[in-house]
Amino acid sequence: SSGINAEYGGARELIALDTNGKSDPFIQLQVVPHHLFPDCELKQSTVKKGTLEPIYNEMFEFIIPQDQICNGVLVLTVFDYDFISANDFEGEAMVRLTDLPRNSEQHVKWTMALHRPKQDSIYKILAGRVSDKIACKFVDIRRKAMEAEEFMPAESGEPSSTGSKVNLAPRGAES
């Protein structure tokens, strides 16, 4: 097995989803598809109240079977926390596990643009897997989330982005 240590630094230029012109963002990280990574539970950051540029510096770890790394994707989803109603979808970014560094000494900073799922190539790949029930369910959930939310680009005309430090490091024999 290998471990993914993802240090989520923060985000910038998020969309104001609250009536006060701010958001209360939090992130969820998960490794998909779930049927290949059943032990990789969904991870969630703390909520940062009243900001469009949250700073987290939180660490998340996932244990990945070595023989499945080539099949996995790390999905980072940003939501606006709402106390009374459902949380608002802000955007998401995805990176293939094979694109992450394999050296435990290597620490790479990634800046990933948040996208609507239907604009993401990995989402399109999953949408094409019509015989894969889990992929179809994932696509359906994302499609419904996007239909339920109005997605507005950041005022700068550029997609919102998130700065993340992600490291894929081999785990020791003790695991």
Protein backbone atom coordinates (compact mmCIF):
# COMPACT_ATOMS: atom_id res chain seq x y z
CA SER A 1 0.00 0.00 0.00
CA SER A 2 0.95 3.62 -0.53
CA GLY A 3 -0.19 6.69 1.33
CA ILE A 4 -1.43 9.95 -0.11
CA ASN A 5 -0.75 12.86 2.18
CA ALA A 6 -2.71 15.86 0.91
CA GLU A 7 -2.09 19.19 2.63
CA TYR A 8 -4.84 21.55 1.60
CA GLY A 9 -3.47 25.08 1.78
CA GLY A 10 -6.45 27.20 0.81
CA ALA A 11 -8.50 28.70 -1.98
CA ARG A 12 -8.85 32.04 -3.70
CA GLU A 13 -11.47 33.87 -5.76
CA LEU A 14 -14.32 31.71 -4.53
CA ILE A 15 -17.87 32.64 -5.44
CA ALA A 16 -19.95 34.57 -2.91
CA LEU A 17 -22.80 32.18 -2.14
CA ASP A 18 -24.17 33.86 0.99
CA THR A 19 -26.35 36.96 1.11
CA ASN A 20 -23.56 38.87 2.91
CA GLY A 21 -21.35 38.64 -0.20
CA LYS A 22 -19.10 35.99 1.36
CA SER A 23 -19.09 32.22 1.72
CA ASP A 24 -18.44 29.74 4.52
CA PRO A 25 -16.29 27.29 2.53
CA PHE A 26 -15.16 23.81 3.44
CA ILE A 27 -13.64 21.07 1.33
CA GLN A 28 -14.19 17.38 0.92
CA LEU A 29 -11.48 15.08 -0.43
CA GLN A 30 -12.12 11.58 -1.66
CA VAL A 31 -10.43 8.91 -3.73
CA VAL A 32 -12.65 7.41 -6.43
CA PRO A 33 -13.99 5.10 -7.75
CA HIS A 34 -15.34 3.86 -4.43
CA HIS A 35 -15.55 0.20 -5.46
CA LEU A 36 -11.75 0.14 -5.94
CA PHE A 37 -11.00 2.21 -2.82
CA PRO A 38 -13.59 1.12 -0.23
CA ASP A 39 -11.24 1.91 2.67
CA CYS A 40 -10.61 5.50 1.52
CA GLU A 41 -13.21 7.39 3.50
CA LEU A 42 -14.36 10.87 2.59
CA LYS A 43 -12.27 13.52 4.38
CA GLN A 44 -13.58 16.98 5.28
CA SER A 45 -11.91 20.22 6.34
CA THR A 46 -13.10 22.71 8.90
CA VAL A 47 -15.52 25.44 7.83
CA LYS A 48 -13.97 28.89 7.34
CA LYS A 49 -16.66 31.48 8.05
CA GLY A 50 -17.22 34.63 5.99
CA THR A 51 -14.40 34.45 3.42
CA LEU A 52 -13.77 34.03 -0.30
CA GLU A 53 -10.07 33.24 0.27
CA PRO A 54 -9.89 30.65 3.07
CA ILE A 55 -6.61 29.36 4.46
CA TYR A 56 -6.69 25.82 5.85
CA ASN A 57 -3.24 24.19 6.03
CA GLU A 58 -4.93 20.91 6.96
CA MET A 59 -3.46 17.45 6.30
CA PHE A 60 -5.42 14.46 5.02
CA GLU A 61 -4.11 10.91 4.52
CA PHE A 62 -5.43 8.12 2.32
CA ILE A 63 -4.10 4.54 2.17
CA ILE A 64 -4.03 3.31 -1.44
CA PRO A 65 -3.50 -0.30 -2.58
CA GLN A 66 -0.33 -0.20 -4.71
CA ASP A 67 -1.93 -2.21 -7.52
CA GLN A 68 -4.84 0.26 -7.81
CA ILE A 69 -2.96 3.58 -8.02
CA CYS A 70 -3.29 3.62 -11.82
CA ASN A 71 -7.11 3.48 -11.46
CA GLY A 72 -7.63 6.21 -8.88
CA VAL A 73 -8.57 9.87 -8.89
CA LEU A 74 -8.34 12.34 -5.99
CA VAL A 75 -11.44 14.56 -6.02
CA LEU A 76 -11.43 17.86 -4.14
CA THR A 77 -14.89 19.45 -3.79
CA VAL A 78 -15.54 22.89 -2.30
CA PHE A 79 -18.88 23.67 -0.65
CA ASP A 80 -20.38 26.69 1.07
CA TYR A 81 -21.68 25.63 4.49
CA ASP A 82 -25.31 26.52 5.17
CA PHE A 83 -26.79 26.02 8.63
CA ILE A 84 -30.46 25.93 7.61
CA SER A 85 -30.50 24.59 4.04
CA ALA A 86 -28.34 22.20 2.01
CA ASN A 87 -24.71 23.17 1.51
CA ASP A 88 -24.03 24.98 -1.78
CA PHE A 89 -21.73 23.41 -4.37
CA GLU A 90 -18.82 25.78 -5.16
CA GLY A 91 -16.76 23.65 -7.55
CA GLU A 92 -14.41 20.72 -7.76
CA ALA A 93 -11.01 19.69 -9.05
CA MET A 94 -9.64 16.25 -9.84
CA VAL A 95 -6.17 14.78 -10.25
CA ARG A 96 -5.20 11.24 -11.26
CA LEU A 97 -3.20 9.43 -8.57
CA THR A 98 -0.61 8.55 -11.23
CA ASP A 99 0.05 12.29 -11.71
CA LEU A 100 1.17 12.67 -8.09
CA PRO A 101 4.83 12.36 -7.06
CA ARG A 102 5.90 8.95 -5.75
CA ASN A 103 8.89 10.13 -3.72
CA SER A 104 8.19 10.69 -0.02
CA GLU A 105 10.80 13.48 0.00
CA GLN A 106 9.12 15.30 -2.88
CA HIS A 107 6.50 17.85 -1.83
CA VAL A 108 4.76 19.48 -4.77
CA LYS A 109 2.42 22.46 -4.61
CA TRP A 110 -0.53 22.15 -6.96
CA THR A 111 -2.87 24.93 -8.00
CA MET A 112 -6.02 23.41 -9.40
CA ALA A 113 -8.88 25.28 -11.02
CA LEU A 114 -12.34 24.45 -9.73
CA HIS A 115 -14.66 23.35 -12.52
CA ARG A 116 -18.20 22.34 -13.12
CA PRO A 117 -18.13 18.55 -13.39
CA LYS A 118 -19.47 18.42 -16.93
CA GLN A 119 -16.47 20.49 -18.11
CA ASP A 120 -13.91 18.12 -16.58
CA SER A 121 -12.25 15.44 -18.71
CA ILE A 122 -12.30 12.87 -15.88
CA TYR A 123 -16.02 13.49 -15.45
CA LYS A 124 -16.48 12.89 -19.20
CA ILE A 125 -14.53 9.63 -18.91
CA LEU A 126 -16.77 8.48 -16.05
CA ALA A 127 -19.87 9.53 -18.01
CA GLY A 128 -18.70 7.27 -20.84
CA ARG A 129 -18.59 4.21 -18.57
CA VAL A 130 -22.24 3.30 -19.14
CA SER A 131 -21.74 -0.30 -17.98
CA ASP A 132 -20.14 0.78 -14.67
CA LYS A 133 -23.01 1.27 -12.20
CA ILE A 134 -20.87 3.15 -9.67
CA ALA A 135 -19.53 5.55 -12.33
CA CYS A 136 -23.08 6.14 -13.59
CA LYS A 137 -24.28 6.86 -10.06
CA PHE A 138 -21.40 9.33 -9.50
CA VAL A 139 -22.19 11.11 -12.81
CA ASP A 140 -25.89 11.26 -11.96
CA ILE A 141 -25.23 12.74 -8.50
CA ARG A 142 -22.88 15.39 -9.96
CA ARG A 143 -25.30 16.23 -12.77
CA LYS A 144 -28.18 16.71 -10.29
CA ALA A 145 -25.98 18.87 -8.05
CA MET A 146 -25.09 21.11 -10.98
CA GLU A 147 -28.70 21.38 -12.11
CA ALA A 148 -29.70 22.40 -8.57
CA GLU A 149 -27.03 25.09 -8.28
CA GLU A 150 -26.43 28.19 -10.35
CA PHE A 151 -22.73 28.35 -11.13
CA MET A 152 -21.36 31.83 -11.74
CA PRO A 153 -17.72 32.43 -12.70
CA ALA A 154 -15.55 34.55 -10.42
CA GLU A 155 -15.77 38.30 -11.11
CA SER A 156 -12.36 38.23 -12.75
CA GLY A 157 -13.77 35.98 -15.47
CA GLU A 158 -11.33 33.24 -14.46
CA PRO A 159 -12.36 30.01 -12.76
CA SER A 160 -12.02 29.89 -9.02
CA SER A 161 -8.87 28.08 -8.00
CA THR A 162 -7.58 26.23 -5.04
CA GLY A 163 -4.00 25.84 -3.89
CA SER A 164 -3.19 22.37 -2.61
CA LYS A 165 -0.03 20.56 -1.62
CA VAL A 166 -0.39 16.92 -2.57
CA ASN A 167 2.17 14.17 -2.00
CA LEU A 168 2.00 10.45 -2.82
CA ALA A 169 4.54 8.67 -0.65
CA PRO A 170 5.32 4.97 -0.28
CA ARG A 171 4.29 3.61 3.09
CA GLY A 172 6.66 1.64 5.28
CA ALA A 173 6.51 -2.14 5.74
CA GLU A 174 4.73 -1.64 9.06
CA SER A 175 1.45 -0.81 7.26
